[in-house]
Amino acid sequence: MDIQKHWEKALRKTEIIRPRVQALSPLAETRVPYVMLSESSINTGDTVVRRGEVVVEKPAIVLPFNLPHFEGFDFESDLHASEDAITNFFLIRGVNFPSLRYNHRSDQIQVFEGSLSKAIDHHLALLQKDENVSTGLLAGPDDSWQFSVLIFTAGQIIRSADGDIRHLFDDFRKKGFLP
């Protein structure tokens, strides 16, 4: 399957079940933990559970506008595409990620013995029981997990944008740059 088909599949099938409540920080590194659930293609009726996080941070060097840097998403091994090819893929299609560094760190991959709907109910209950406001819960295709995680991360950035702008204006006011 080519990159375009993986992207389209992730767009159609990714569901953000529970976004994180905490906003992303506009000034510092933000860890965006997630639990992603996918129907298993090997064990029919079971669910693949991916736990990980995307660390969103300012890059060490200044990047041109809308030129993100993706690390740790295994594009090369899973999709046979370099990270530059993925960045170009997004640029050509007008998919704009802020010029930040997106470092994916996978914690673990497990199998939940049960259907996707049962896995969703189970993990949603765990997050609520633990009062976990920083971890998001999403479902998507296992063979396009990278794009599902990026869709989730982009959604969190969009949700935080309004607060980021307010925070920046408040900071400018405190410094005397604005009335």
N, C-alpha and C. Protein backbone atom coordinates (compact mmCIF):
# COMPACT_ATOMS: atom_id res chain seq x y z
N MET A 1 0.85 -1.18 0.00
CA MET A 1 0.00 0.00 0.00
C MET A 1 0.90 1.24 0.00
N ASP A 2 0.57 2.20 -0.83
CA ASP A 2 1.40 3.40 -0.90
C ASP A 2 1.00 4.41 0.18
N ILE A 3 1.81 5.45 0.31
CA ILE A 3 1.61 6.45 1.36
C ILE A 3 0.22 7.08 1.26
N GLN A 4 -0.20 7.42 0.06
CA GLN A 4 -1.50 8.07 -0.13
C GLN A 4 -2.63 7.18 0.40
N LYS A 5 -2.56 5.89 0.12
CA LYS A 5 -3.62 4.97 0.58
C LYS A 5 -3.60 4.83 2.11
N HIS A 6 -2.42 4.81 2.70
CA HIS A 6 -2.32 4.77 4.17
C HIS A 6 -2.93 6.04 4.78
N TRP A 7 -2.61 7.19 4.19
CA TRP A 7 -3.12 8.47 4.67
C TRP A 7 -4.64 8.50 4.58
N GLU A 8 -5.17 8.14 3.44
CA GLU A 8 -6.63 8.15 3.25
C GLU A 8 -7.32 7.18 4.20
N LYS A 9 -6.70 6.03 4.40
CA LYS A 9 -7.27 5.04 5.33
C LYS A 9 -7.29 5.59 6.75
N ALA A 10 -6.19 6.23 7.16
CA ALA A 10 -6.14 6.81 8.51
C ALA A 10 -7.16 7.94 8.65
N LEU A 11 -7.31 8.76 7.63
CA LEU A 11 -8.29 9.85 7.70
C LEU A 11 -9.72 9.30 7.85
N ARG A 12 -10.02 8.24 7.13
CA ARG A 12 -11.37 7.64 7.19
C ARG A 12 -11.63 6.91 8.50
N LYS A 13 -10.61 6.23 9.01
CA LYS A 13 -10.85 5.30 10.12
C LYS A 13 -10.35 5.73 11.48
N THR A 14 -9.63 6.85 11.57
CA THR A 14 -9.13 7.30 12.88
C THR A 14 -10.26 7.97 13.64
N GLU A 15 -10.43 7.54 14.87
CA GLU A 15 -11.45 8.12 15.74
C GLU A 15 -10.79 8.55 17.04
N ILE A 16 -10.92 9.83 17.36
CA ILE A 16 -10.42 10.34 18.64
C ILE A 16 -11.54 10.08 19.64
N ILE A 17 -11.36 9.09 20.48
CA ILE A 17 -12.39 8.69 21.43
C ILE A 17 -12.40 9.62 22.62
N ARG A 18 -11.22 9.96 23.08
CA ARG A 18 -11.10 10.84 24.25
C ARG A 18 -9.84 11.68 24.07
N PRO A 19 -10.01 12.97 23.71
CA PRO A 19 -8.82 13.81 23.60
C PRO A 19 -8.25 14.10 24.98
N ARG A 20 -7.02 14.50 25.02
CA ARG A 20 -6.44 14.90 26.29
C ARG A 20 -7.07 16.21 26.69
N VAL A 21 -7.23 16.42 27.98
CA VAL A 21 -7.84 17.64 28.48
C VAL A 21 -6.79 18.74 28.59
N GLN A 22 -5.60 18.38 28.99
CA GLN A 22 -4.53 19.37 29.16
C GLN A 22 -4.15 19.97 27.82
N ALA A 23 -3.95 21.27 27.78
CA ALA A 23 -3.52 21.95 26.57
C ALA A 23 -2.02 21.75 26.37
N LEU A 24 -1.58 21.91 25.14
CA LEU A 24 -0.16 21.87 24.85
C LEU A 24 0.46 23.20 25.26
N SER A 25 1.71 23.17 25.67
CA SER A 25 2.40 24.39 26.06
C SER A 25 2.98 25.07 24.83
N PRO A 26 2.73 26.38 24.66
CA PRO A 26 3.29 27.07 23.50
C PRO A 26 4.77 27.42 23.67
N LEU A 27 5.27 27.34 24.89
CA LEU A 27 6.62 27.81 25.17
C LEU A 27 7.60 26.70 25.57
N ALA A 28 7.10 25.52 25.86
CA ALA A 28 7.98 24.46 26.33
C ALA A 28 7.60 23.14 25.68
N GLU A 29 8.46 22.18 25.84
CA GLU A 29 8.19 20.84 25.35
C GLU A 29 6.91 20.30 25.99
N THR A 30 6.10 19.63 25.20
CA THR A 30 4.88 19.02 25.71
C THR A 30 4.87 17.54 25.36
N ARG A 31 4.62 16.73 26.34
CA ARG A 31 4.48 15.29 26.12
C ARG A 31 3.00 15.00 25.90
N VAL A 32 2.71 14.31 24.81
CA VAL A 32 1.33 13.98 24.45
C VAL A 32 1.18 12.46 24.47
N PRO A 33 0.90 11.89 25.65
CA PRO A 33 0.73 10.44 25.72
C PRO A 33 -0.59 10.01 25.09
N TYR A 34 -0.60 8.80 24.58
CA TYR A 34 -1.80 8.27 23.94
C TYR A 34 -1.90 6.76 24.14
N VAL A 35 -3.11 6.27 23.98
CA VAL A 35 -3.37 4.83 23.86
C VAL A 35 -4.12 4.69 22.55
N MET A 36 -3.56 3.91 21.63
CA MET A 36 -4.21 3.70 20.34
C MET A 36 -4.64 2.25 20.23
N LEU A 37 -5.89 2.07 19.83
CA LEU A 37 -6.48 0.74 19.71
C LEU A 37 -6.76 0.44 18.24
N SER A 38 -6.42 -0.79 17.83
CA SER A 38 -6.64 -1.22 16.44
C SER A 38 -7.09 -2.66 16.43
N GLU A 39 -7.98 -2.96 15.48
CA GLU A 39 -8.36 -4.36 15.30
C GLU A 39 -7.13 -5.14 14.85
N SER A 40 -6.91 -6.29 15.44
CA SER A 40 -5.76 -7.11 15.09
C SER A 40 -5.99 -7.77 13.74
N SER A 41 -4.98 -7.69 12.88
CA SER A 41 -5.07 -8.36 11.59
C SER A 41 -4.57 -9.80 11.69
N ILE A 42 -3.94 -10.13 12.80
CA ILE A 42 -3.41 -11.49 13.00
C ILE A 42 -4.38 -12.34 13.79
N ASN A 43 -4.84 -11.83 14.92
CA ASN A 43 -5.78 -12.56 15.77
C ASN A 43 -7.16 -11.92 15.65
N THR A 44 -7.96 -12.42 14.75
CA THR A 44 -9.29 -11.86 14.53
C THR A 44 -10.08 -11.87 15.84
N GLY A 45 -10.69 -10.73 16.13
CA GLY A 45 -11.47 -10.60 17.36
C GLY A 45 -10.70 -9.98 18.51
N ASP A 46 -9.37 -9.84 18.36
CA ASP A 46 -8.55 -9.21 19.38
C ASP A 46 -8.19 -7.78 18.95
N THR A 47 -7.64 -7.03 19.88
CA THR A 47 -7.31 -5.63 19.64
C THR A 47 -5.85 -5.37 19.97
N VAL A 48 -5.17 -4.66 19.08
CA VAL A 48 -3.79 -4.24 19.32
C VAL A 48 -3.84 -2.94 20.12
N VAL A 49 -3.07 -2.90 21.21
CA VAL A 49 -3.02 -1.72 22.08
C VAL A 49 -1.61 -1.13 22.00
N ARG A 50 -1.51 0.08 21.46
CA ARG A 50 -0.23 0.80 21.39
C ARG A 50 -0.27 1.91 22.43
N ARG A 51 0.75 1.95 23.26
CA ARG A 51 0.91 3.05 24.21
C ARG A 51 2.19 3.77 23.84
N GLY A 52 2.10 5.07 23.82
CA GLY A 52 3.28 5.85 23.49
C GLY A 52 3.03 7.31 23.78
N GLU A 53 3.93 8.14 23.29
CA GLU A 53 3.77 9.57 23.43
C GLU A 53 4.48 10.25 22.28
N VAL A 54 4.00 11.43 21.97
CA VAL A 54 4.67 12.29 21.00
C VAL A 54 5.14 13.49 21.79
N VAL A 55 6.43 13.75 21.73
CA VAL A 55 6.99 14.92 22.39
C VAL A 55 7.03 16.03 21.35
N VAL A 56 6.27 17.08 21.62
CA VAL A 56 6.19 18.22 20.70
C VAL A 56 7.06 19.32 21.30
N GLU A 57 8.07 19.74 20.54
CA GLU A 57 9.00 20.73 21.06
C GLU A 57 9.55 21.63 19.96
N LYS A 58 10.08 22.75 20.38
CA LYS A 58 10.75 23.63 19.44
C LYS A 58 12.04 22.94 19.01
N PRO A 59 12.36 22.99 17.72
CA PRO A 59 13.61 22.36 17.27
C PRO A 59 14.82 23.17 17.71
N ALA A 60 15.97 22.50 17.75
CA ALA A 60 17.21 23.17 18.17
C ALA A 60 17.64 24.21 17.14
N ILE A 61 17.26 24.00 15.86
CA ILE A 61 17.57 24.98 14.83
C ILE A 61 16.26 25.59 14.35
N VAL A 62 16.33 26.77 13.79
CA VAL A 62 15.13 27.44 13.28
C VAL A 62 14.77 26.80 11.94
N LEU A 63 13.53 26.31 11.85
CA LEU A 63 13.07 25.68 10.62
C LEU A 63 12.22 26.66 9.83
N PRO A 64 12.19 26.51 8.50
CA PRO A 64 11.30 27.34 7.70
C PRO A 64 9.84 27.10 8.11
N PHE A 65 8.98 28.06 7.79
CA PHE A 65 7.57 27.98 8.13
C PHE A 65 6.95 26.69 7.59
N ASN A 66 6.15 26.03 8.42
CA ASN A 66 5.44 24.79 8.06
C ASN A 66 6.36 23.68 7.57
N LEU A 67 7.51 23.54 8.20
CA LEU A 67 8.40 22.43 7.88
C LEU A 67 8.67 21.65 9.17
N PRO A 68 7.76 20.74 9.51
CA PRO A 68 7.92 19.97 10.74
C PRO A 68 9.04 18.95 10.62
N HIS A 69 9.47 18.47 11.76
CA HIS A 69 10.51 17.44 11.80
C HIS A 69 9.95 16.25 12.58
N PHE A 70 9.78 15.11 11.90
CA PHE A 70 9.20 13.92 12.53
C PHE A 70 10.30 12.93 12.86
N GLU A 71 10.27 12.42 14.09
CA GLU A 71 11.25 11.41 14.52
C GLU A 71 10.52 10.27 15.20
N GLY A 72 11.01 9.05 15.01
CA GLY A 72 10.52 7.90 15.76
C GLY A 72 9.20 7.32 15.30
N PHE A 73 8.71 7.72 14.12
CA PHE A 73 7.43 7.21 13.65
C PHE A 73 7.56 5.95 12.80
N ASP A 74 8.76 5.46 12.60
CA ASP A 74 9.02 4.24 11.83
C ASP A 74 8.46 4.28 10.41
N PHE A 75 8.46 5.46 9.79
CA PHE A 75 7.98 5.56 8.42
C PHE A 75 8.82 4.70 7.49
N GLU A 76 10.12 4.70 7.72
CA GLU A 76 11.05 3.96 6.86
C GLU A 76 10.76 2.46 6.89
N SER A 77 10.69 1.89 8.08
CA SER A 77 10.53 0.43 8.19
C SER A 77 9.11 -0.03 7.89
N ASP A 78 8.10 0.74 8.32
CA ASP A 78 6.72 0.30 8.14
C ASP A 78 6.12 0.69 6.79
N LEU A 79 6.42 1.91 6.32
CA LEU A 79 5.80 2.40 5.09
C LEU A 79 6.78 2.54 3.93
N HIS A 80 8.06 2.23 4.19
CA HIS A 80 9.11 2.32 3.17
C HIS A 80 9.21 3.72 2.58
N ALA A 81 9.12 4.71 3.46
CA ALA A 81 9.22 6.11 3.05
C ALA A 81 10.08 6.85 4.06
N SER A 82 10.94 7.72 3.56
CA SER A 82 11.79 8.50 4.46
C SER A 82 10.95 9.59 5.12
N GLU A 83 11.48 10.13 6.21
CA GLU A 83 10.77 11.21 6.90
C GLU A 83 10.67 12.44 6.01
N ASP A 84 11.67 12.67 5.15
CA ASP A 84 11.59 13.78 4.18
C ASP A 84 10.45 13.54 3.20
N ALA A 85 10.28 12.31 2.76
CA ALA A 85 9.19 11.99 1.83
C ALA A 85 7.83 12.24 2.49
N ILE A 86 7.71 11.93 3.77
CA ILE A 86 6.45 12.17 4.49
C ILE A 86 6.20 13.67 4.62
N THR A 87 7.24 14.43 4.96
CA THR A 87 7.10 15.89 5.07
C THR A 87 6.67 16.47 3.72
N ASN A 88 7.32 16.03 2.65
CA ASN A 88 6.93 16.50 1.31
C ASN A 88 5.52 16.08 0.95
N PHE A 89 5.15 14.86 1.32
CA PHE A 89 3.79 14.36 1.09
C PHE A 89 2.77 15.31 1.71
N PHE A 90 3.00 15.71 2.95
CA PHE A 90 2.09 16.64 3.63
C PHE A 90 2.09 18.01 2.95
N LEU A 91 3.27 18.54 2.62
CA LEU A 91 3.36 19.86 2.00
C LEU A 91 2.62 19.92 0.68
N ILE A 92 2.79 18.91 -0.16
CA ILE A 92 2.14 18.88 -1.47
C ILE A 92 0.62 18.87 -1.33
N ARG A 93 0.12 18.25 -0.29
CA ARG A 93 -1.33 18.15 -0.08
C ARG A 93 -1.90 19.28 0.76
N GLY A 94 -1.05 20.22 1.16
CA GLY A 94 -1.52 21.35 1.93
C GLY A 94 -1.82 21.02 3.38
N VAL A 95 -1.27 19.92 3.88
CA VAL A 95 -1.43 19.55 5.28
C VAL A 95 -0.30 20.22 6.04
N ASN A 96 -0.66 21.21 6.85
CA ASN A 96 0.35 22.02 7.53
C ASN A 96 0.47 21.67 9.00
N PHE A 97 1.64 21.23 9.37
CA PHE A 97 2.00 21.05 10.77
C PHE A 97 2.90 22.22 11.14
N PRO A 98 2.76 22.78 12.32
CA PRO A 98 3.69 23.84 12.73
C PRO A 98 5.13 23.35 12.68
N SER A 99 6.05 24.27 12.47
CA SER A 99 7.47 23.94 12.36
C SER A 99 8.03 23.58 13.73
N LEU A 100 7.63 22.44 14.21
CA LEU A 100 8.09 21.92 15.49
C LEU A 100 8.69 20.55 15.28
N ARG A 101 9.30 20.04 16.31
CA ARG A 101 9.85 18.69 16.27
C ARG A 101 8.85 17.76 16.94
N TYR A 102 8.48 16.69 16.24
CA TYR A 102 7.52 15.70 16.74
C TYR A 102 8.28 14.40 16.92
N ASN A 103 8.59 14.09 18.16
CA ASN A 103 9.40 12.92 18.48
C ASN A 103 8.50 11.84 19.08
N HIS A 104 8.28 10.78 18.31
CA HIS A 104 7.41 9.70 18.78
C HIS A 104 8.23 8.71 19.60
N ARG A 105 7.67 8.35 20.73
CA ARG A 105 8.30 7.33 21.60
C ARG A 105 7.24 6.29 21.92
N SER A 106 7.51 5.08 21.50
CA SER A 106 6.56 4.00 21.75
C SER A 106 6.93 3.31 23.06
N ASP A 107 5.96 3.18 23.95
CA ASP A 107 6.21 2.53 25.23
C ASP A 107 6.01 1.02 25.13
N GLN A 108 4.88 0.62 24.56
CA GLN A 108 4.61 -0.81 24.49
C GLN A 108 3.48 -1.11 23.51
N ILE A 109 3.53 -2.32 23.00
CA ILE A 109 2.46 -2.83 22.14
C ILE A 109 1.99 -4.12 22.79
N GLN A 110 0.68 -4.20 23.04
CA GLN A 110 0.10 -5.38 23.67
C GLN A 110 -1.11 -5.83 22.88
N VAL A 111 -1.64 -6.98 23.25
CA VAL A 111 -2.87 -7.48 22.65
C VAL A 111 -3.93 -7.55 23.75
N PHE A 112 -5.07 -6.94 23.47
CA PHE A 112 -6.23 -7.02 24.36
C PHE A 112 -7.10 -8.13 23.79
N GLU A 113 -7.40 -9.13 24.61
CA GLU A 113 -8.21 -10.25 24.14
C GLU A 113 -9.67 -9.86 24.18
N GLY A 114 -10.13 -9.32 23.08
CA GLY A 114 -11.51 -8.88 22.96
C GLY A 114 -11.65 -7.94 21.79
N SER A 115 -12.88 -7.63 21.46
CA SER A 115 -13.17 -6.78 20.31
C SER A 115 -12.71 -5.34 20.54
N LEU A 116 -12.68 -4.59 19.46
CA LEU A 116 -12.29 -3.19 19.54
C LEU A 116 -13.24 -2.42 20.46
N SER A 117 -14.52 -2.67 20.35
CA SER A 117 -15.49 -1.94 21.19
C SER A 117 -15.29 -2.26 22.68
N LYS A 118 -14.96 -3.50 23.00
CA LYS A 118 -14.69 -3.86 24.40
C LYS A 118 -13.40 -3.21 24.87
N ALA A 119 -12.40 -3.16 23.99
CA ALA A 119 -11.12 -2.53 24.35
C ALA A 119 -11.32 -1.03 24.59
N ILE A 120 -12.15 -0.40 23.77
CA ILE A 120 -12.43 1.03 23.95
C ILE A 120 -13.08 1.25 25.31
N ASP A 121 -14.11 0.47 25.62
CA ASP A 121 -14.79 0.61 26.91
C ASP A 121 -13.82 0.40 28.07
N HIS A 122 -12.98 -0.63 27.97
CA HIS A 122 -12.02 -0.96 29.02
C HIS A 122 -11.03 0.18 29.25
N HIS A 123 -10.41 0.68 28.18
CA HIS A 123 -9.38 1.71 28.33
C HIS A 123 -9.98 3.06 28.70
N LEU A 124 -11.16 3.34 28.23
CA LEU A 124 -11.85 4.57 28.62
C LEU A 124 -12.14 4.55 30.12
N ALA A 125 -12.59 3.41 30.62
CA ALA A 125 -12.86 3.28 32.06
C ALA A 125 -11.57 3.42 32.88
N LEU A 126 -10.47 2.85 32.39
CA LEU A 126 -9.18 2.97 33.10
C LEU A 126 -8.73 4.43 33.18
N LEU A 127 -8.82 5.14 32.07
CA LEU A 127 -8.40 6.54 32.07
C LEU A 127 -9.28 7.38 33.00
N GLN A 128 -10.57 7.12 32.98
CA GLN A 128 -11.48 7.87 33.85
C GLN A 128 -11.25 7.52 35.32
N LYS A 129 -11.04 6.26 35.60
CA LYS A 129 -10.79 5.83 36.99
C LYS A 129 -9.52 6.49 37.54
N ASP A 130 -8.49 6.56 36.71
CA ASP A 130 -7.22 7.17 37.13
C ASP A 130 -7.26 8.70 37.07
N GLU A 131 -8.38 9.26 36.60
CA GLU A 131 -8.51 10.71 36.41
C GLU A 131 -7.36 11.25 35.57
N ASN A 132 -7.02 10.50 34.54
CA ASN A 132 -5.90 10.83 33.66
C ASN A 132 -6.38 11.82 32.60
N VAL A 133 -5.94 13.07 32.71
CA VAL A 133 -6.36 14.12 31.78
C VAL A 133 -5.31 14.40 30.71
N SER A 134 -4.17 13.73 30.81
CA SER A 134 -3.10 14.01 29.85
C SER A 134 -3.00 12.98 28.73
N THR A 135 -3.61 11.81 28.89
CA THR A 135 -3.51 10.75 27.88
C THR A 135 -4.76 10.72 27.01
N GLY A 136 -4.53 10.70 25.71
CA GLY A 136 -5.63 10.60 24.76
C GLY A 136 -5.90 9.14 24.40
N LEU A 137 -7.11 8.87 23.96
CA LEU A 137 -7.51 7.53 23.53
C LEU A 137 -8.03 7.64 22.10
N LEU A 138 -7.46 6.84 21.22
CA LEU A 138 -7.88 6.86 19.83
C LEU A 138 -7.93 5.45 19.26
N ALA A 139 -8.67 5.31 18.19
CA ALA A 139 -8.75 4.04 17.47
C ALA A 139 -8.44 4.33 16.02
N GLY A 140 -7.79 3.38 15.37
CA GLY A 140 -7.44 3.56 13.97
C GLY A 140 -6.86 2.29 13.40
N PRO A 141 -6.56 2.30 12.12
CA PRO A 141 -6.02 1.11 11.46
C PRO A 141 -4.58 0.83 11.91
N ASP A 142 -4.29 -0.42 12.20
CA ASP A 142 -2.97 -0.79 12.70
C ASP A 142 -1.87 -0.58 11.68
N ASP A 143 -2.17 -0.79 10.41
CA ASP A 143 -1.13 -0.66 9.38
C ASP A 143 -0.86 0.80 9.00
N SER A 144 -1.64 1.71 9.53
CA SER A 144 -1.45 3.15 9.27
C SER A 144 -1.37 3.92 10.59
N TRP A 145 -0.87 3.28 11.63
CA TRP A 145 -0.89 3.85 12.98
C TRP A 145 -0.17 5.19 13.04
N GLN A 146 0.91 5.35 12.27
CA GLN A 146 1.67 6.60 12.32
C GLN A 146 0.78 7.79 11.96
N PHE A 147 0.01 7.63 10.90
CA PHE A 147 -0.86 8.72 10.47
C PHE A 147 -1.98 8.96 11.48
N SER A 148 -2.49 7.90 12.08
CA SER A 148 -3.52 8.09 13.12
C SER A 148 -2.97 8.87 14.30
N VAL A 149 -1.75 8.56 14.71
CA VAL A 149 -1.13 9.28 15.83
C VAL A 149 -0.88 10.74 15.44
N LEU A 150 -0.46 10.99 14.20
CA LEU A 150 -0.26 12.37 13.76
C LEU A 150 -1.59 13.13 13.67
N ILE A 151 -2.65 12.47 13.26
CA ILE A 151 -3.98 13.10 13.22
C ILE A 151 -4.39 13.47 14.64
N PHE A 152 -4.18 12.57 15.58
CA PHE A 152 -4.47 12.85 17.00
C PHE A 152 -3.66 14.05 17.49
N THR A 153 -2.35 14.04 17.20
CA THR A 153 -1.47 15.12 17.66
C THR A 153 -1.88 16.46 17.04
N ALA A 154 -2.19 16.45 15.75
CA ALA A 154 -2.64 17.68 15.09
C ALA A 154 -3.92 18.20 15.73
N GLY A 155 -4.82 17.31 16.07
CA GLY A 155 -6.05 17.71 16.75
C GLY A 155 -5.77 18.38 18.09
N GLN A 156 -4.78 17.88 18.80
CA GLN A 156 -4.43 18.49 20.09
C GLN A 156 -3.82 19.87 19.89
N ILE A 157 -3.04 20.04 18.83
CA ILE A 157 -2.44 21.34 18.53
C ILE A 157 -3.54 22.34 18.20
N ILE A 158 -4.50 21.93 17.39
CA ILE A 158 -5.61 22.81 17.01
C ILE A 158 -6.41 23.21 18.24
N ARG A 159 -6.70 22.25 19.12
CA ARG A 159 -7.46 22.55 20.34
C ARG A 159 -6.73 23.54 21.24
N SER A 160 -5.40 23.52 21.21
CA SER A 160 -4.60 24.39 22.08
C SER A 160 -4.33 25.76 21.47
N ALA A 161 -4.57 25.94 20.19
CA ALA A 161 -4.18 27.17 19.49
C ALA A 161 -4.81 28.41 20.10
N ASP A 162 -6.10 28.38 20.40
CA ASP A 162 -6.77 29.55 20.96
C ASP A 162 -6.13 29.96 22.30
N GLY A 163 -5.89 28.99 23.16
CA GLY A 163 -5.26 29.28 24.45
C GLY A 163 -3.83 29.75 24.27
N ASP A 164 -3.12 29.21 23.26
CA ASP A 164 -1.74 29.63 23.00
C ASP A 164 -1.69 31.10 22.63
N ILE A 165 -2.61 31.52 21.77
CA ILE A 165 -2.63 32.92 21.34
C ILE A 165 -2.94 33.83 22.52
N ARG A 166 -3.92 33.44 23.35
CA ARG A 166 -4.22 34.24 24.54
C ARG A 166 -3.02 34.32 25.47
N HIS A 167 -2.35 33.20 25.66
CA HIS A 167 -1.17 33.16 26.54
C HIS A 167 -0.07 34.08 26.01
N LEU A 168 0.16 34.07 24.70
CA LEU A 168 1.19 34.92 24.12
C LEU A 168 0.84 36.41 24.29
N PHE A 169 -0.45 36.76 24.06
CA PHE A 169 -0.86 38.16 24.26
C PHE A 169 -0.71 38.57 25.72
N ASP A 170 -1.08 37.71 26.65
CA ASP A 170 -0.91 38.02 28.08
C ASP A 170 0.57 38.23 28.40
N ASP A 171 1.42 37.39 27.84
CA ASP A 171 2.86 37.51 28.06
C ASP A 171 3.38 38.84 27.50
N PHE A 172 2.91 39.22 26.30
CA PHE A 172 3.32 40.50 25.70
C PHE A 172 2.85 41.68 26.57
N ARG A 173 1.63 41.58 27.13
CA ARG A 173 1.11 42.64 27.99
C ARG A 173 1.96 42.80 29.25
N LYS A 174 2.33 41.67 29.86
CA LYS A 174 3.15 41.71 31.07
C LYS A 174 4.51 42.34 30.80
N LYS A 175 5.03 42.13 29.60
CA LYS A 175 6.33 42.69 29.23
C LYS A 175 6.23 44.12 28.75
N GLY A 176 4.99 44.64 28.65
CA GLY A 176 4.80 46.03 28.24
C GLY A 176 4.79 46.26 26.74
N PHE A 177 4.73 45.20 25.94
CA PHE A 177 4.70 45.36 24.50
C PHE A 177 3.31 45.72 23.98
N LEU A 178 2.28 45.42 24.76
CA LEU A 178 0.89 45.71 24.39
C LEU A 178 0.21 46.44 25.54
N PRO A 179 -0.78 47.29 25.20
CA PRO A 179 -1.50 48.00 26.29
C PRO A 179 -2.37 47.08 27.10
